[in-house]
Protein backbone atom coordinates (compact mmCIF):
# COMPACT_ATOMS: atom_id res chain seq x y z
CA UNK A 1 -22.44 -6.82 22.55
CA UNK A 2 -19.63 -4.36 23.20
CA UNK A 3 -18.99 -0.88 21.76
CA UNK A 4 -16.36 -2.09 19.29
CA UNK A 5 -18.69 -4.71 17.81
CA UNK A 6 -21.49 -2.15 17.55
CA UNK A 7 -19.16 0.13 15.56
CA UNK A 8 -18.23 -2.77 13.29
CA UNK A 9 -21.90 -3.63 12.74
CA UNK A 10 -22.59 0.03 11.96
CA UNK A 11 -19.90 -0.07 9.26
CA UNK A 12 -21.34 -3.30 7.90
CA UNK A 13 -24.81 -1.72 7.78
CA UNK A 14 -23.37 1.36 6.08
CA UNK A 15 -22.01 -0.65 3.13
CA UNK A 16 -25.31 -0.98 1.22
CA UNK A 17 -26.31 2.55 2.23
CA UNK A 18 -23.03 3.94 0.89
CA UNK A 19 -23.36 1.89 -2.30
CA UNK A 20 -26.92 3.16 -2.83
CA UNK A 21 -25.89 6.77 -2.19
CA UNK A 22 -23.10 6.40 -4.74
CA UNK A 23 -25.43 4.78 -7.24
CA UNK A 24 -28.00 7.56 -6.87
CA UNK A 25 -25.32 10.28 -7.03
CA UNK A 26 -26.07 11.64 -3.56
CA UNK A 27 -22.52 12.85 -3.03
CA UNK A 28 -22.68 14.67 0.29
CA UNK A 29 -24.56 11.90 2.13
CA UNK A 30 -22.25 9.36 0.46
CA UNK A 31 -19.21 11.28 1.68
CA UNK A 32 -20.64 11.44 5.22
CA UNK A 33 -21.29 7.67 5.15
CA UNK A 34 -17.73 7.15 3.87
CA UNK A 35 -16.27 9.23 6.71
CA UNK A 36 -18.37 7.41 9.30
CA UNK A 37 -17.15 4.08 7.91
CA UNK A 38 -13.51 5.20 8.04
CA UNK A 39 -13.87 6.51 11.60
CA UNK A 40 -15.64 3.36 12.82
CA UNK A 41 -12.93 1.25 11.18
CA UNK A 42 -10.25 3.14 13.09
CA UNK A 43 -12.16 3.13 16.36
CA UNK A 44 -13.52 -0.42 16.65
CA UNK A 45 -10.20 -2.22 16.94
CA UNK A 46 -8.69 0.51 19.09
CA UNK A 47 -11.61 0.39 21.53
CA UNK A 48 -11.64 -3.39 21.64
CA UNK A 49 -7.96 -3.46 22.58
CA UNK A 50 -8.11 -0.44 24.91
CA UNK A 51 -11.16 -1.71 26.80
CA UNK A 52 -9.93 -5.34 26.72
CA UNK A 53 -13.11 -6.35 24.89
CA UNK A 54 -11.68 -8.22 21.92
CA UNK A 55 -14.06 -10.94 20.78
CA UNK A 56 -13.95 -13.74 18.23
CA UNK A 57 -16.98 -12.29 16.47
CA UNK A 58 -15.28 -8.87 16.30
CA UNK A 59 -12.14 -10.40 14.80
CA UNK A 60 -14.33 -12.05 12.18
CA UNK A 61 -16.73 -9.16 11.47
CA UNK A 62 -14.18 -6.33 11.28
CA UNK A 63 -12.34 -7.54 8.15
CA UNK A 64 -15.62 -8.78 6.68
CA UNK A 65 -17.15 -5.30 7.09
CA UNK A 66 -14.10 -3.77 5.38
CA UNK A 67 -14.31 -6.18 2.46
CA UNK A 68 -18.05 -5.71 1.95
CA UNK A 69 -17.79 -1.93 2.26
CA UNK A 70 -14.93 -1.46 -0.20
CA UNK A 71 -16.05 -4.12 -2.68
CA UNK A 72 -19.60 -2.77 -2.92
CA UNK A 73 -18.33 0.80 -3.30
CA UNK A 74 -15.81 -0.06 -6.00
CA UNK A 75 -18.27 -2.21 -7.95
CA UNK A 76 -20.91 0.56 -7.92
CA UNK A 77 -18.33 3.14 -8.99
CA UNK A 78 -17.10 0.90 -11.80
CA UNK A 79 -20.56 -0.02 -13.10
CA UNK A 80 -22.30 3.33 -12.77
CA UNK A 81 -19.41 5.63 -13.63
CA UNK A 82 -17.53 3.44 -16.12
CA UNK A 83 -14.25 3.26 -14.25
CA UNK A 84 -11.64 1.14 -16.02
CA UNK A 85 -11.82 -2.60 -15.33
CA UNK A 86 -8.29 -2.65 -13.97
CA UNK A 87 -9.59 -0.73 -10.94
CA UNK A 88 -10.64 -4.18 -9.72
CA UNK A 89 -6.94 -4.61 -8.91
CA UNK A 90 -7.66 -2.49 -5.81
CA UNK A 91 -9.83 -5.37 -4.58
CA UNK A 92 -7.30 -8.12 -5.28
CA UNK A 93 -6.54 -8.87 -1.65
CA UNK A 94 -10.19 -8.98 -0.63
CA UNK A 95 -11.07 -11.36 -3.44
CA UNK A 96 -8.05 -13.65 -2.98
CA UNK A 97 -8.17 -13.67 0.83
CA UNK A 98 -11.93 -14.25 0.74
CA UNK A 99 -11.58 -17.21 -1.60
CA UNK A 100 -8.63 -18.46 0.43
CA UNK A 101 -10.70 -18.28 3.61
CA UNK A 102 -13.41 -20.44 2.06
CA UNK A 103 -10.75 -22.91 0.92
CA UNK A 104 -9.17 -23.09 4.39
CA UNK A 105 -12.58 -23.61 6.01
CA UNK A 106 -13.39 -26.35 3.50
CA UNK A 107 -10.04 -28.01 4.12
CA UNK A 108 -9.99 -27.77 7.92
CA UNK A 109 -13.75 -27.86 8.58
CA UNK A 110 -13.35 -25.19 11.26
CA UNK A 111 -13.83 -21.44 11.21
CA UNK A 112 -11.25 -21.03 13.96
CA UNK A 113 -8.62 -21.77 11.31
CA UNK A 114 -9.17 -18.24 10.00
CA UNK A 115 -8.13 -16.49 13.17
CA UNK A 116 -5.10 -14.53 12.08
CA UNK A 117 -4.08 -11.36 13.85
CA UNK A 118 -4.40 -8.18 11.82
CA UNK A 119 -1.21 -7.45 9.95
CA UNK A 120 0.51 -4.21 9.10
CA UNK A 121 0.19 -5.10 5.40
CA UNK A 122 -3.52 -5.77 5.73
CA UNK A 123 -4.04 -2.46 7.50
CA UNK A 124 -1.94 -0.66 4.88
CA UNK A 125 -4.01 -2.22 2.10
CA UNK A 126 -7.27 -1.20 3.75
CA UNK A 127 -5.94 2.34 4.17
CA UNK A 128 -4.88 2.42 0.52
CA UNK A 129 -8.35 1.22 -0.51
CA UNK A 130 -9.93 4.05 1.48
CA UNK A 131 -7.57 6.62 -0.07
CA UNK A 132 -8.28 5.22 -3.55
CA UNK A 133 -12.04 5.48 -3.11
CA UNK A 134 -11.63 8.94 -1.61
CA UNK A 135 -9.59 10.03 -4.63
CA UNK A 136 -12.21 8.60 -6.99
CA UNK A 137 -14.93 10.56 -5.16
CA UNK A 138 -13.15 13.94 -5.18
CA UNK A 139 -14.16 14.95 -8.74
CA UNK A 140 -17.81 14.60 -7.75
CA UNK A 141 -17.16 17.49 -5.34
CA UNK A 142 -15.54 19.63 -8.01
CA UNK A 143 -11.98 18.76 -6.96
CA UNK A 144 -10.15 17.72 -10.09
CA UNK A 145 -8.12 14.56 -9.80
CA UNK A 146 -6.56 13.15 -12.94
CA UNK A 147 -6.82 9.51 -13.90
CA UNK A 148 -3.07 9.29 -13.38
CA UNK A 149 -3.56 10.08 -9.70
CA UNK A 150 -6.33 7.53 -9.21
CA UNK A 151 -4.40 5.01 -11.33
CA UNK A 152 -1.41 5.56 -9.02
CA UNK A 153 -3.56 4.86 -5.95
CA UNK A 154 -4.97 1.73 -7.60
CA UNK A 155 -1.40 0.57 -8.33
CA UNK A 156 -0.24 1.24 -4.75
CA UNK A 157 -3.28 -0.61 -3.43
CA UNK A 158 -2.58 -3.53 -5.77
CA UNK A 159 1.08 -3.74 -4.68
CA UNK A 160 0.09 -3.64 -1.01
CA UNK A 161 -2.56 -6.29 -1.75
CA UNK A 162 0.05 -8.64 -3.22
CA UNK A 163 2.32 -8.14 -0.20
CA UNK A 164 -0.64 -8.71 2.15
CA UNK A 165 -1.66 -11.86 0.27
CA UNK A 166 1.92 -13.12 0.62
CA UNK A 167 1.85 -12.39 4.33
CA UNK A 168 -1.43 -14.28 4.83
CA UNK A 169 -0.24 -17.16 2.63
CA UNK A 170 2.92 -17.45 4.71
CA UNK A 171 0.82 -17.55 7.89
CA UNK A 172 -1.35 -20.30 6.36
CA UNK A 173 1.74 -22.30 5.41
CA UNK A 174 3.14 -21.97 8.94
CA UNK A 175 -0.16 -23.21 10.39
CA UNK A 176 -0.17 -26.13 7.94
CA UNK A 177 -3.26 -25.06 5.98
CA UNK A 178 -1.44 -24.99 2.65
């Protein structure tokens, strides 16, 4: 187990903690958990590359941790705080890519089929998701953010999601999975 994988596992373990803190309106601890998750997301891949410790499990767990973290946070925020249903658009890529991954595994019968290098569009979408959740959290700290601002971030995240989905679909086509 290397440092990068430990950071990824920490982020994965933080997902239910963050969701619970949001659900119970514990804003400061939730914000700290959010920051730790963002920092570990930035550091795990960097350290893996820098220390030449990239692993297959790390390449699998890192995007999984992102998906679980952001999906659980957005679902709790939508359910508990009555965010509009269209905020699910911010999770479009995670839902579509997740379903696509299951389809590719079912079709090819091998998990190795899912080994795609991280893309700029995927990283941009993850960053946009983090900014969107951050913007949604700001009012709980007394910082007023209008729905137009959060709606804008949801729209940007959705657009980046569509581009990212297209990028992954193209990669699947090139590898003969579609």
